């Protein structure tokens, strides 16, 4: 997918914060853009979103401990 040039999401969710800690990786940014695509024909499906590489990045999601 081509990188969108028309939105300002990267400014709201930079790759790193002013302290250098991660805010939103490139994979996370890609998923966010695909989820927020206005045209439903071009928007990522829920099934494909759950298979997105962002969910395999470190740190991995943790299960809830009750």
Protein backbone atom coordinates (compact mmCIF):
# COMPACT_ATOMS: atom_id res chain seq x y z
CA UNK A 1 0.00 0.00 0.00
CA UNK A 2 1.31 3.44 -0.88
CA UNK A 3 2.10 5.74 2.00
CA UNK A 4 -0.64 8.35 2.32
CA UNK A 5 0.56 11.90 1.88
CA UNK A 6 -2.75 13.60 2.56
CA UNK A 7 -3.18 13.22 6.31
CA UNK A 8 -1.38 14.46 9.38
CA UNK A 9 -1.62 11.28 11.43
CA UNK A 10 2.16 10.88 11.59
CA UNK A 11 2.37 14.21 13.41
CA UNK A 12 -0.20 13.00 15.96
CA UNK A 13 1.48 9.59 16.32
CA UNK A 14 5.22 10.03 15.76
CA UNK A 15 7.53 7.02 15.56
CA UNK A 16 9.25 8.14 18.78
CA UNK A 17 8.44 10.58 21.55
CA UNK A 18 10.66 13.46 22.63
CA UNK A 19 12.26 11.05 25.13
CA UNK A 20 13.06 8.56 22.37
CA UNK A 21 10.55 5.95 23.52
CA UNK A 22 8.36 4.40 20.82
CA UNK A 23 4.93 5.91 20.19
CA UNK A 24 3.71 4.22 17.00
CA UNK A 25 5.87 2.08 14.75
CA UNK A 26 5.69 2.21 10.97
CA UNK A 27 3.63 -1.00 11.02
CA UNK A 28 1.23 0.50 13.55
CA UNK A 29 0.96 3.63 11.45
CA UNK A 30 0.23 1.54 8.36
CA UNK A 31 -2.54 -0.36 10.17
CA UNK A 32 -4.04 2.85 11.53
CA UNK A 33 -4.15 4.36 8.04
CA UNK A 34 -5.76 1.24 6.61
CA UNK A 35 -8.39 1.18 9.36
CA UNK A 36 -9.21 4.86 8.90
CA UNK A 37 -9.59 4.68 5.11
CA UNK A 38 -12.88 6.38 4.26
CA UNK A 39 -13.81 4.26 1.23
CA UNK A 40 -15.07 0.88 2.52
CA UNK A 41 -13.97 -0.82 -0.69
CA UNK A 42 -10.38 0.22 0.07
CA UNK A 43 -10.50 -0.18 3.87
CA UNK A 44 -8.80 -3.18 5.47
CA UNK A 45 -11.15 -5.94 6.61
CA UNK A 46 -11.32 -6.97 10.26
CA UNK A 47 -9.92 -10.38 9.35
CA UNK A 48 -6.95 -8.87 7.50
CA UNK A 49 -6.42 -6.30 10.26
CA UNK A 50 -6.03 -9.09 12.81
CA UNK A 51 -3.36 -10.67 10.58
CA UNK A 52 -1.43 -7.39 10.26
CA UNK A 53 2.27 -7.45 11.10
CA UNK A 54 1.77 -4.86 13.87
CA UNK A 55 0.30 -7.58 16.09
CA UNK A 56 3.57 -9.56 15.81
CA UNK A 57 5.88 -6.69 16.78
CA UNK A 58 7.75 -6.56 20.04
CA UNK A 59 6.43 -5.93 22.62
CA UNK A 60 3.82 -8.57 21.95
CA UNK A 61 0.30 -8.13 23.33
CA UNK A 62 -0.25 -9.70 26.73
CA UNK A 63 -3.29 -11.61 27.83
CA UNK A 64 -5.32 -10.25 30.73
CA UNK A 65 -4.56 -11.80 34.06
CA UNK A 66 -7.53 -11.88 36.40
